[in-house]
Amino acid sequence: MERSSCTRNIFLIGYRATGKTTVGRILAKKLGYGFIDLDALIQGQAGDTIEGIVKRDGWERFRLLEAQALRGLLRACQDMVISCGGGAVLHQDIMATIKKDALIIWLKARPRDIIERIKIDERSSEQRPALSPGRDLKEEITTILEARTPLYQRFSHFAVDTTNRDPAEVATRIARVVGQETDLSQEE
C-alpha cells in the first residue's frame, strides 16, 4: 500500500455533472489552495480528450491513466483541491489511501438534475462519453449511480447535495466545515 503525502488536500468525488470542477475551483480560491482537475490532468498527459482516449483505446485504458494520475497525486500534492472524475472511486485501493490522509467530499445530485446539467453543458460529449453505449442517458445514470453510490459513501468523509444549490454556496459550505473542523460524518 502506498503512503500518501496529501495531508492538507481536499478531494471532490461524485458522479459526473455534480459540480466537482466548478465547486473545486471556487473552493480552492476561498481556501488559498491550488486546484487540479483530474480529468484535465489526464487529458494533458495523454494529449487527447477523454472522448478520444475512450474511442481509440477504450474505458480500460482511461481507467489505467486515471489510476496513474491518482498515484502521482498521492506523492506530489499539498494544499490542493482535486476534482476527481466520477469513476475515480473504482480505484478502491488508491481511494482508501487517500481517505487516510486527505479530506474526501462527495458531491451529489438527483439523477434528473444530472441529466439536465449534462444536456446543457456544451463540453459534455468530449468530457463525458457514454459509460455504457446503447443505453439512454437516464438508464445509464441510474445504473451507474446504483453501482457507485456505496463507493462514494465508503470513501467520503461527508457529502453535500448540490441539487438546487449555487456552486459558490456549496463551496462556502465546504470551506466552513473545513475551517471549523466540525463533525465530518454528517451528511448534508
N, C-alpha and C. Protein backbone atom coordinates (compact mmCIF):
# COMPACT_ATOMS: atom_id res chain seq x y z
N MET A 1 0.85 -1.19 0.00
CA MET A 1 0.00 0.00 0.00
C MET A 1 0.89 1.24 0.00
N GLU A 2 0.55 2.16 -0.86
CA GLU A 2 1.31 3.41 -0.96
C GLU A 2 1.00 4.31 0.23
N ARG A 3 1.94 5.13 0.56
CA ARG A 3 1.75 6.12 1.60
C ARG A 3 1.55 7.47 0.92
N SER A 4 0.51 8.15 1.31
CA SER A 4 0.19 9.44 0.71
C SER A 4 0.86 10.57 1.47
N SER A 5 1.25 11.60 0.73
CA SER A 5 1.75 12.81 1.37
C SER A 5 0.70 13.92 1.29
N CYS A 6 -0.52 13.55 0.95
CA CYS A 6 -1.60 14.52 0.75
C CYS A 6 -2.26 14.86 2.08
N THR A 7 -1.54 15.51 2.95
CA THR A 7 -2.06 15.74 4.29
C THR A 7 -2.98 16.94 4.40
N ARG A 8 -2.91 17.87 3.47
CA ARG A 8 -3.78 19.05 3.53
C ARG A 8 -4.47 19.25 2.19
N ASN A 9 -5.11 18.20 1.76
CA ASN A 9 -5.77 18.24 0.47
C ASN A 9 -7.23 17.86 0.60
N ILE A 10 -7.99 18.32 -0.37
CA ILE A 10 -9.42 18.02 -0.42
C ILE A 10 -9.69 17.40 -1.79
N PHE A 11 -10.24 16.21 -1.76
CA PHE A 11 -10.62 15.53 -2.99
C PHE A 11 -12.14 15.58 -3.10
N LEU A 12 -12.62 16.01 -4.26
CA LEU A 12 -14.06 16.04 -4.52
C LEU A 12 -14.40 14.85 -5.40
N ILE A 13 -15.32 14.03 -4.93
CA ILE A 13 -15.76 12.87 -5.69
C ILE A 13 -17.25 12.99 -5.95
N GLY A 14 -17.75 12.17 -6.84
CA GLY A 14 -19.17 12.16 -7.14
C GLY A 14 -19.38 11.89 -8.61
N TYR A 15 -20.62 11.64 -8.96
CA TYR A 15 -20.95 11.33 -10.35
C TYR A 15 -20.69 12.54 -11.23
N ARG A 16 -20.59 12.29 -12.52
CA ARG A 16 -20.38 13.38 -13.48
C ARG A 16 -21.50 14.41 -13.37
N ALA A 17 -21.15 15.64 -13.59
CA ALA A 17 -22.10 16.77 -13.60
C ALA A 17 -22.72 17.08 -12.24
N THR A 18 -22.00 16.76 -11.17
CA THR A 18 -22.49 17.14 -9.84
C THR A 18 -21.83 18.43 -9.34
N GLY A 19 -20.92 18.98 -10.13
CA GLY A 19 -20.32 20.27 -9.77
C GLY A 19 -18.91 20.20 -9.25
N LYS A 20 -18.25 19.08 -9.38
CA LYS A 20 -16.93 18.91 -8.78
C LYS A 20 -15.90 19.94 -9.28
N THR A 21 -15.84 20.14 -10.57
CA THR A 21 -14.84 21.07 -11.12
C THR A 21 -15.20 22.51 -10.78
N THR A 22 -16.44 22.89 -10.98
CA THR A 22 -16.86 24.27 -10.71
C THR A 22 -16.71 24.59 -9.22
N VAL A 23 -17.22 23.73 -8.37
CA VAL A 23 -17.11 23.94 -6.92
C VAL A 23 -15.65 23.90 -6.50
N GLY A 24 -14.89 22.97 -7.08
CA GLY A 24 -13.48 22.84 -6.73
C GLY A 24 -12.68 24.11 -6.98
N ARG A 25 -12.92 24.73 -8.12
CA ARG A 25 -12.21 25.99 -8.43
C ARG A 25 -12.55 27.08 -7.42
N ILE A 26 -13.83 27.19 -7.11
CA ILE A 26 -14.28 28.22 -6.15
C ILE A 26 -13.72 27.93 -4.76
N LEU A 27 -13.79 26.67 -4.36
CA LEU A 27 -13.30 26.26 -3.04
C LEU A 27 -11.80 26.52 -2.91
N ALA A 28 -11.04 26.17 -3.94
CA ALA A 28 -9.59 26.39 -3.90
C ALA A 28 -9.27 27.86 -3.71
N LYS A 29 -9.99 28.70 -4.41
CA LYS A 29 -9.77 30.14 -4.29
C LYS A 29 -10.10 30.62 -2.87
N LYS A 30 -11.21 30.14 -2.32
CA LYS A 30 -11.61 30.54 -0.96
C LYS A 30 -10.56 30.13 0.08
N LEU A 31 -9.97 28.96 -0.11
CA LEU A 31 -9.02 28.42 0.87
C LEU A 31 -7.58 28.84 0.60
N GLY A 32 -7.33 29.45 -0.57
CA GLY A 32 -5.97 29.77 -0.94
C GLY A 32 -5.18 28.54 -1.34
N TYR A 33 -5.87 27.52 -1.83
CA TYR A 33 -5.26 26.26 -2.26
C TYR A 33 -5.07 26.28 -3.77
N GLY A 34 -4.26 25.37 -4.27
CA GLY A 34 -4.17 25.13 -5.69
C GLY A 34 -5.34 24.27 -6.12
N PHE A 35 -5.53 24.15 -7.42
CA PHE A 35 -6.64 23.34 -7.93
C PHE A 35 -6.15 22.43 -9.04
N ILE A 36 -6.58 21.17 -8.99
CA ILE A 36 -6.29 20.21 -10.05
C ILE A 36 -7.59 19.53 -10.44
N ASP A 37 -7.88 19.55 -11.74
CA ASP A 37 -8.99 18.77 -12.28
C ASP A 37 -8.36 17.50 -12.83
N LEU A 38 -8.66 16.37 -12.21
CA LEU A 38 -8.02 15.11 -12.58
C LEU A 38 -8.24 14.77 -14.05
N ASP A 39 -9.45 14.97 -14.55
CA ASP A 39 -9.71 14.68 -15.96
C ASP A 39 -8.87 15.56 -16.88
N ALA A 40 -8.73 16.83 -16.55
CA ALA A 40 -7.90 17.74 -17.36
C ALA A 40 -6.44 17.32 -17.29
N LEU A 41 -5.99 16.89 -16.12
CA LEU A 41 -4.62 16.41 -15.96
C LEU A 41 -4.36 15.21 -16.86
N ILE A 42 -5.30 14.26 -16.86
CA ILE A 42 -5.18 13.07 -17.70
C ILE A 42 -5.15 13.45 -19.17
N GLN A 43 -6.05 14.34 -19.57
CA GLN A 43 -6.10 14.77 -20.97
C GLN A 43 -4.79 15.44 -21.38
N GLY A 44 -4.24 16.26 -20.50
CA GLY A 44 -2.97 16.91 -20.79
C GLY A 44 -1.83 15.92 -20.93
N GLN A 45 -1.80 14.94 -20.06
CA GLN A 45 -0.75 13.92 -20.12
C GLN A 45 -0.89 13.03 -21.35
N ALA A 46 -2.14 12.73 -21.72
CA ALA A 46 -2.40 11.84 -22.86
C ALA A 46 -2.39 12.58 -24.20
N GLY A 47 -2.53 13.91 -24.15
CA GLY A 47 -2.59 14.69 -25.38
C GLY A 47 -3.86 14.44 -26.17
N ASP A 48 -4.95 14.14 -25.47
CA ASP A 48 -6.21 13.84 -26.14
C ASP A 48 -7.36 14.09 -25.15
N THR A 49 -8.56 14.23 -25.69
CA THR A 49 -9.75 14.36 -24.84
C THR A 49 -10.12 13.00 -24.26
N ILE A 50 -10.96 13.01 -23.25
CA ILE A 50 -11.45 11.75 -22.69
C ILE A 50 -12.17 10.96 -23.79
N GLU A 51 -12.99 11.66 -24.55
CA GLU A 51 -13.70 11.00 -25.65
C GLU A 51 -12.72 10.34 -26.61
N GLY A 52 -11.65 11.04 -26.96
CA GLY A 52 -10.65 10.48 -27.88
C GLY A 52 -9.95 9.27 -27.30
N ILE A 53 -9.58 9.35 -26.02
CA ILE A 53 -8.93 8.22 -25.36
C ILE A 53 -9.85 7.00 -25.37
N VAL A 54 -11.10 7.23 -25.00
CA VAL A 54 -12.06 6.12 -24.90
C VAL A 54 -12.35 5.54 -26.29
N LYS A 55 -12.54 6.39 -27.29
CA LYS A 55 -12.81 5.89 -28.65
C LYS A 55 -11.64 5.08 -29.19
N ARG A 56 -10.45 5.57 -28.96
CA ARG A 56 -9.26 4.92 -29.50
C ARG A 56 -8.87 3.67 -28.71
N ASP A 57 -8.88 3.78 -27.37
CA ASP A 57 -8.31 2.72 -26.54
C ASP A 57 -9.27 2.09 -25.54
N GLY A 58 -10.48 2.63 -25.42
CA GLY A 58 -11.47 2.06 -24.51
C GLY A 58 -11.39 2.61 -23.09
N TRP A 59 -12.43 2.30 -22.31
CA TRP A 59 -12.50 2.77 -20.93
C TRP A 59 -11.41 2.15 -20.07
N GLU A 60 -10.98 0.93 -20.38
CA GLU A 60 -9.92 0.30 -19.57
C GLU A 60 -8.65 1.14 -19.61
N ARG A 61 -8.30 1.64 -20.78
CA ARG A 61 -7.09 2.47 -20.92
C ARG A 61 -7.26 3.77 -20.14
N PHE A 62 -8.45 4.38 -20.25
CA PHE A 62 -8.68 5.60 -19.50
C PHE A 62 -8.54 5.34 -18.00
N ARG A 63 -9.11 4.24 -17.51
CA ARG A 63 -9.03 3.93 -16.07
C ARG A 63 -7.58 3.72 -15.64
N LEU A 64 -6.77 3.13 -16.51
CA LEU A 64 -5.35 2.95 -16.21
C LEU A 64 -4.65 4.31 -16.08
N LEU A 65 -4.94 5.20 -17.02
CA LEU A 65 -4.37 6.56 -16.96
C LEU A 65 -4.84 7.29 -15.71
N GLU A 66 -6.10 7.10 -15.36
CA GLU A 66 -6.68 7.72 -14.17
C GLU A 66 -5.97 7.22 -12.91
N ALA A 67 -5.74 5.91 -12.82
CA ALA A 67 -5.05 5.33 -11.67
C ALA A 67 -3.63 5.88 -11.57
N GLN A 68 -2.94 5.98 -12.70
CA GLN A 68 -1.59 6.53 -12.70
C GLN A 68 -1.57 7.98 -12.23
N ALA A 69 -2.54 8.76 -12.69
CA ALA A 69 -2.61 10.16 -12.28
C ALA A 69 -2.90 10.28 -10.78
N LEU A 70 -3.82 9.46 -10.28
CA LEU A 70 -4.13 9.49 -8.85
C LEU A 70 -2.90 9.10 -8.02
N ARG A 71 -2.19 8.08 -8.45
CA ARG A 71 -0.97 7.67 -7.73
C ARG A 71 0.06 8.80 -7.73
N GLY A 72 0.17 9.51 -8.85
CA GLY A 72 1.08 10.65 -8.92
C GLY A 72 0.70 11.74 -7.94
N LEU A 73 -0.59 11.96 -7.78
CA LEU A 73 -1.06 12.97 -6.83
C LEU A 73 -0.79 12.56 -5.39
N LEU A 74 -0.79 11.27 -5.13
CA LEU A 74 -0.50 10.79 -3.77
C LEU A 74 0.90 11.22 -3.33
N ARG A 75 1.80 11.28 -4.27
CA ARG A 75 3.19 11.55 -3.94
C ARG A 75 3.58 13.02 -4.04
N ALA A 76 2.74 13.84 -4.68
CA ALA A 76 3.26 15.16 -5.03
C ALA A 76 2.29 16.31 -4.82
N CYS A 77 1.42 16.24 -3.86
CA CYS A 77 0.49 17.36 -3.74
C CYS A 77 0.35 17.80 -2.28
N GLN A 78 0.10 19.08 -2.11
CA GLN A 78 -0.12 19.65 -0.79
C GLN A 78 -0.93 20.93 -0.96
N ASP A 79 -1.88 21.13 -0.05
CA ASP A 79 -2.75 22.31 -0.09
C ASP A 79 -3.44 22.44 -1.45
N MET A 80 -4.09 21.36 -1.86
CA MET A 80 -4.75 21.31 -3.15
C MET A 80 -6.20 20.89 -2.99
N VAL A 81 -7.02 21.37 -3.91
CA VAL A 81 -8.37 20.84 -4.10
C VAL A 81 -8.30 20.06 -5.41
N ILE A 82 -8.66 18.79 -5.34
CA ILE A 82 -8.58 17.93 -6.52
C ILE A 82 -9.99 17.47 -6.88
N SER A 83 -10.40 17.80 -8.09
CA SER A 83 -11.69 17.37 -8.62
C SER A 83 -11.47 16.06 -9.36
N CYS A 84 -12.02 14.99 -8.82
CA CYS A 84 -11.84 13.67 -9.43
C CYS A 84 -12.93 13.39 -10.45
N GLY A 85 -12.61 12.53 -11.40
CA GLY A 85 -13.63 12.06 -12.32
C GLY A 85 -14.62 11.18 -11.57
N GLY A 86 -15.79 11.01 -12.13
CA GLY A 86 -16.84 10.25 -11.46
C GLY A 86 -16.47 8.82 -11.14
N GLY A 87 -15.56 8.22 -11.93
CA GLY A 87 -15.18 6.84 -11.72
C GLY A 87 -13.93 6.65 -10.89
N ALA A 88 -13.37 7.70 -10.34
CA ALA A 88 -12.14 7.58 -9.54
C ALA A 88 -12.32 6.61 -8.37
N VAL A 89 -13.54 6.52 -7.86
CA VAL A 89 -13.79 5.63 -6.72
C VAL A 89 -13.65 4.16 -7.10
N LEU A 90 -13.58 3.86 -8.37
CA LEU A 90 -13.39 2.47 -8.80
C LEU A 90 -11.99 1.97 -8.46
N HIS A 91 -11.07 2.89 -8.21
CA HIS A 91 -9.70 2.56 -7.79
C HIS A 91 -9.69 2.49 -6.26
N GLN A 92 -10.29 1.45 -5.74
CA GLN A 92 -10.56 1.38 -4.31
C GLN A 92 -9.31 1.39 -3.44
N ASP A 93 -8.24 0.75 -3.88
CA ASP A 93 -7.02 0.75 -3.08
C ASP A 93 -6.43 2.16 -2.97
N ILE A 94 -6.46 2.89 -4.07
CA ILE A 94 -5.93 4.26 -4.06
C ILE A 94 -6.82 5.17 -3.21
N MET A 95 -8.13 5.03 -3.38
CA MET A 95 -9.06 5.87 -2.61
C MET A 95 -8.93 5.60 -1.11
N ALA A 96 -8.71 4.37 -0.73
CA ALA A 96 -8.54 4.05 0.70
C ALA A 96 -7.30 4.75 1.26
N THR A 97 -6.24 4.81 0.47
CA THR A 97 -5.02 5.51 0.90
C THR A 97 -5.28 7.01 1.01
N ILE A 98 -5.96 7.56 0.02
CA ILE A 98 -6.26 8.99 0.03
C ILE A 98 -7.11 9.34 1.25
N LYS A 99 -8.09 8.50 1.55
CA LYS A 99 -9.01 8.80 2.66
C LYS A 99 -8.27 8.91 3.99
N LYS A 100 -7.18 8.19 4.15
CA LYS A 100 -6.41 8.24 5.40
C LYS A 100 -5.75 9.60 5.62
N ASP A 101 -5.37 10.26 4.53
CA ASP A 101 -4.54 11.46 4.65
C ASP A 101 -5.16 12.75 4.14
N ALA A 102 -6.28 12.65 3.46
CA ALA A 102 -6.91 13.84 2.87
C ALA A 102 -8.39 13.83 3.20
N LEU A 103 -9.02 14.94 2.97
CA LEU A 103 -10.46 15.05 3.17
C LEU A 103 -11.14 14.75 1.84
N ILE A 104 -12.08 13.82 1.85
CA ILE A 104 -12.81 13.46 0.63
C ILE A 104 -14.27 13.86 0.82
N ILE A 105 -14.74 14.66 -0.12
CA ILE A 105 -16.11 15.16 -0.06
C ILE A 105 -16.86 14.66 -1.28
N TRP A 106 -18.02 14.07 -1.02
CA TRP A 106 -18.87 13.55 -2.09
C TRP A 106 -19.89 14.61 -2.46
N LEU A 107 -19.82 15.09 -3.70
CA LEU A 107 -20.83 15.99 -4.23
C LEU A 107 -21.85 15.14 -4.97
N LYS A 108 -23.11 15.32 -4.61
CA LYS A 108 -24.15 14.51 -5.24
C LYS A 108 -25.31 15.37 -5.69
N ALA A 109 -26.11 14.80 -6.57
CA ALA A 109 -27.29 15.49 -7.09
C ALA A 109 -28.29 14.41 -7.54
N ARG A 110 -29.53 14.83 -7.69
CA ARG A 110 -30.56 13.91 -8.17
C ARG A 110 -30.29 13.54 -9.63
N PRO A 111 -30.64 12.32 -10.03
CA PRO A 111 -30.41 11.91 -11.42
C PRO A 111 -31.01 12.87 -12.44
N ARG A 112 -32.21 13.37 -12.19
CA ARG A 112 -32.81 14.27 -13.19
C ARG A 112 -32.02 15.58 -13.31
N ASP A 113 -31.41 16.03 -12.22
CA ASP A 113 -30.57 17.23 -12.30
C ASP A 113 -29.27 16.95 -13.03
N ILE A 114 -28.72 15.76 -12.83
CA ILE A 114 -27.52 15.36 -13.54
C ILE A 114 -27.79 15.35 -15.05
N ILE A 115 -28.93 14.77 -15.44
CA ILE A 115 -29.31 14.72 -16.85
C ILE A 115 -29.40 16.13 -17.43
N GLU A 116 -30.06 17.03 -16.73
CA GLU A 116 -30.20 18.41 -17.22
C GLU A 116 -28.85 19.09 -17.34
N ARG A 117 -27.98 18.89 -16.36
CA ARG A 117 -26.66 19.52 -16.41
C ARG A 117 -25.84 19.00 -17.58
N ILE A 118 -25.91 17.70 -17.82
CA ILE A 118 -25.18 17.11 -18.94
C ILE A 118 -25.71 17.67 -20.26
N LYS A 119 -27.02 17.78 -20.37
CA LYS A 119 -27.63 18.26 -21.62
C LYS A 119 -27.26 19.71 -21.93
N ILE A 120 -27.12 20.55 -20.91
CA ILE A 120 -26.82 21.96 -21.19
C ILE A 120 -25.32 22.27 -21.27
N ASP A 121 -24.48 21.31 -20.88
CA ASP A 121 -23.04 21.52 -20.93
C ASP A 121 -22.53 21.22 -22.33
N GLU A 122 -22.04 22.23 -23.02
CA GLU A 122 -21.56 22.08 -24.39
C GLU A 122 -20.37 21.13 -24.50
N ARG A 123 -19.63 20.97 -23.41
CA ARG A 123 -18.44 20.12 -23.44
C ARG A 123 -18.73 18.67 -23.06
N SER A 124 -19.99 18.34 -22.79
CA SER A 124 -20.33 17.01 -22.30
C SER A 124 -19.84 15.88 -23.19
N SER A 125 -19.98 16.01 -24.49
CA SER A 125 -19.61 14.89 -25.36
C SER A 125 -18.12 14.56 -25.27
N GLU A 126 -17.26 15.58 -25.21
CA GLU A 126 -15.83 15.28 -25.13
C GLU A 126 -15.38 15.01 -23.70
N GLN A 127 -16.08 15.57 -22.72
CA GLN A 127 -15.72 15.36 -21.33
C GLN A 127 -16.41 14.15 -20.72
N ARG A 128 -17.56 13.80 -21.24
CA ARG A 128 -18.36 12.76 -20.62
C ARG A 128 -18.90 11.77 -21.65
N PRO A 129 -18.03 10.98 -22.29
CA PRO A 129 -18.54 10.00 -23.24
C PRO A 129 -19.38 8.95 -22.52
N ALA A 130 -20.27 8.31 -23.26
CA ALA A 130 -21.16 7.31 -22.66
C ALA A 130 -20.34 6.23 -21.94
N LEU A 131 -20.80 5.89 -20.76
CA LEU A 131 -20.15 4.84 -19.99
C LEU A 131 -20.66 3.46 -20.42
N SER A 132 -21.86 3.45 -20.94
CA SER A 132 -22.46 2.18 -21.39
C SER A 132 -23.24 2.45 -22.68
N PRO A 133 -22.53 2.43 -23.79
CA PRO A 133 -23.17 2.71 -25.09
C PRO A 133 -24.40 1.83 -25.31
N GLY A 134 -25.40 2.42 -25.94
CA GLY A 134 -26.62 1.68 -26.21
C GLY A 134 -27.73 1.96 -25.20
N ARG A 135 -27.38 2.47 -24.05
CA ARG A 135 -28.39 2.82 -23.05
C ARG A 135 -28.75 4.28 -23.20
N ASP A 136 -29.97 4.61 -22.86
CA ASP A 136 -30.30 6.03 -22.85
C ASP A 136 -29.68 6.66 -21.60
N LEU A 137 -29.57 7.98 -21.61
CA LEU A 137 -28.85 8.69 -20.56
C LEU A 137 -29.43 8.42 -19.17
N LYS A 138 -30.75 8.44 -19.06
CA LYS A 138 -31.39 8.20 -17.75
C LYS A 138 -31.07 6.81 -17.23
N GLU A 139 -31.15 5.82 -18.09
CA GLU A 139 -30.86 4.44 -17.67
C GLU A 139 -29.40 4.31 -17.25
N GLU A 140 -28.52 4.92 -18.04
CA GLU A 140 -27.09 4.86 -17.71
C GLU A 140 -26.81 5.48 -16.35
N ILE A 141 -27.34 6.67 -16.13
CA ILE A 141 -27.11 7.37 -14.87
C ILE A 141 -27.65 6.57 -13.69
N THR A 142 -28.87 6.07 -13.82
CA THR A 142 -29.48 5.29 -12.74
C THR A 142 -28.65 4.05 -12.42
N THR A 143 -28.24 3.34 -13.45
CA THR A 143 -27.47 2.10 -13.26
C THR A 143 -26.10 2.37 -12.64
N ILE A 144 -25.39 3.36 -13.19
CA ILE A 144 -24.05 3.66 -12.69
C ILE A 144 -24.11 4.22 -11.27
N LEU A 145 -25.07 5.10 -11.01
CA LEU A 145 -25.21 5.64 -9.65
C LEU A 145 -25.50 4.53 -8.64
N GLU A 146 -26.35 3.60 -9.02
CA GLU A 146 -26.68 2.49 -8.14
C GLU A 146 -25.42 1.69 -7.78
N ALA A 147 -24.56 1.49 -8.76
CA ALA A 147 -23.32 0.74 -8.53
C ALA A 147 -22.28 1.54 -7.74
N ARG A 148 -22.20 2.85 -8.01
CA ARG A 148 -21.13 3.65 -7.40
C ARG A 148 -21.50 4.29 -6.06
N THR A 149 -22.77 4.47 -5.78
CA THR A 149 -23.16 5.14 -4.54
C THR A 149 -22.52 4.51 -3.30
N PRO A 150 -22.49 3.18 -3.17
CA PRO A 150 -21.81 2.61 -2.00
C PRO A 150 -20.32 2.99 -1.92
N LEU A 151 -19.69 3.15 -3.08
CA LEU A 151 -18.27 3.55 -3.09
C LEU A 151 -18.13 5.02 -2.70
N TYR A 152 -19.00 5.86 -3.22
CA TYR A 152 -18.96 7.27 -2.82
C TYR A 152 -19.17 7.39 -1.30
N GLN A 153 -20.10 6.64 -0.78
CA GLN A 153 -20.36 6.66 0.67
C GLN A 153 -19.15 6.16 1.45
N ARG A 154 -18.57 5.07 0.99
CA ARG A 154 -17.45 4.44 1.70
C ARG A 154 -16.22 5.35 1.77
N PHE A 155 -15.93 6.04 0.68
CA PHE A 155 -14.68 6.79 0.62
C PHE A 155 -14.82 8.25 1.03
N SER A 156 -16.02 8.76 1.19
CA SER A 156 -16.16 10.17 1.54
C SER A 156 -16.22 10.36 3.06
N HIS A 157 -15.72 11.50 3.49
CA HIS A 157 -15.85 11.88 4.89
C HIS A 157 -17.21 12.52 5.14
N PHE A 158 -17.71 13.22 4.15
CA PHE A 158 -19.07 13.74 4.20
C PHE A 158 -19.54 14.07 2.80
N ALA A 159 -20.85 14.30 2.69
CA ALA A 159 -21.48 14.56 1.39
C ALA A 159 -22.19 15.90 1.41
N VAL A 160 -22.25 16.52 0.25
CA VAL A 160 -23.02 17.74 0.07
C VAL A 160 -23.88 17.56 -1.17
N ASP A 161 -25.16 17.75 -1.00
CA ASP A 161 -26.09 17.66 -2.12
C ASP A 161 -26.06 18.98 -2.86
N THR A 162 -25.73 18.92 -4.15
CA THR A 162 -25.62 20.15 -4.95
C THR A 162 -26.93 20.49 -5.67
N THR A 163 -27.95 19.68 -5.46
CA THR A 163 -29.24 19.93 -6.10
C THR A 163 -29.78 21.29 -5.66
N ASN A 164 -30.14 22.11 -6.62
CA ASN A 164 -30.72 23.43 -6.37
C ASN A 164 -29.81 24.34 -5.54
N ARG A 165 -28.52 24.12 -5.62
CA ARG A 165 -27.56 24.98 -4.90
C ARG A 165 -26.58 25.58 -5.88
N ASP A 166 -26.31 26.83 -5.69
CA ASP A 166 -25.31 27.52 -6.48
C ASP A 166 -23.92 26.97 -6.10
N PRO A 167 -23.01 26.80 -7.07
CA PRO A 167 -21.68 26.28 -6.75
C PRO A 167 -20.95 27.09 -5.67
N ALA A 168 -21.12 28.40 -5.66
CA ALA A 168 -20.48 29.23 -4.63
C ALA A 168 -21.03 28.89 -3.24
N GLU A 169 -22.32 28.61 -3.16
CA GLU A 169 -22.93 28.21 -1.88
C GLU A 169 -22.35 26.88 -1.40
N VAL A 170 -22.20 25.94 -2.32
CA VAL A 170 -21.63 24.64 -1.97
C VAL A 170 -20.19 24.82 -1.49
N ALA A 171 -19.41 25.61 -2.21
CA ALA A 171 -18.01 25.85 -1.83
C ALA A 171 -17.92 26.53 -0.46
N THR A 172 -18.80 27.46 -0.20
CA THR A 172 -18.82 28.14 1.10
C THR A 172 -19.12 27.16 2.22
N ARG A 173 -20.08 26.29 1.99
CA ARG A 173 -20.43 25.26 2.99
C ARG A 173 -19.23 24.38 3.29
N ILE A 174 -18.54 23.94 2.26
CA ILE A 174 -17.37 23.07 2.46
C ILE A 174 -16.26 23.84 3.17
N ALA A 175 -16.01 25.06 2.75
CA ALA A 175 -14.96 25.88 3.39
C ALA A 175 -15.26 26.08 4.86
N ARG A 176 -16.53 26.28 5.18
CA ARG A 176 -16.93 26.45 6.58
C ARG A 176 -16.64 25.18 7.39
N VAL A 177 -16.99 24.05 6.83
CA VAL A 177 -16.75 22.77 7.51
C VAL A 177 -15.26 22.53 7.67
N VAL A 178 -14.50 22.77 6.63
CA VAL A 178 -13.05 22.57 6.68
C VAL A 178 -12.43 23.50 7.72
N GLY A 179 -12.84 24.75 7.72
CA GLY A 179 -12.28 25.73 8.64
C GLY A 179 -12.63 25.48 10.10
N GLN A 180 -13.80 24.95 10.34
CA GLN A 180 -14.24 24.73 11.72
C GLN A 180 -13.95 23.33 12.20
N GLU A 181 -13.52 22.46 11.27
CA GLU A 181 -13.26 21.07 11.63
C GLU A 181 -14.42 20.47 12.40
N THR A 182 -15.63 20.70 11.87
CA THR A 182 -16.82 20.15 12.50
C THR A 182 -16.91 18.66 12.24
N ASP A 183 -17.93 18.03 12.77
CA ASP A 183 -18.15 16.60 12.59
C ASP A 183 -18.29 16.29 11.10
N LEU A 184 -17.32 15.60 10.56
CA LEU A 184 -17.32 15.32 9.13
C LEU A 184 -18.16 14.11 8.76
N SER A 185 -18.74 13.46 9.72
CA SER A 185 -19.55 12.28 9.41
C SER A 185 -20.96 12.67 9.01
N GLN A 186 -21.30 13.93 9.16
CA GLN A 186 -22.66 14.38 8.83
C GLN A 186 -22.85 14.48 7.35
N GLU A 187 -24.01 14.09 6.90
CA GLU A 187 -24.37 14.26 5.50
C GLU A 187 -25.34 15.41 5.43
N GLU A 188 -25.07 16.30 4.52
CA GLU A 188 -25.97 17.46 4.39
C GLU A 188 -27.01 17.17 3.36
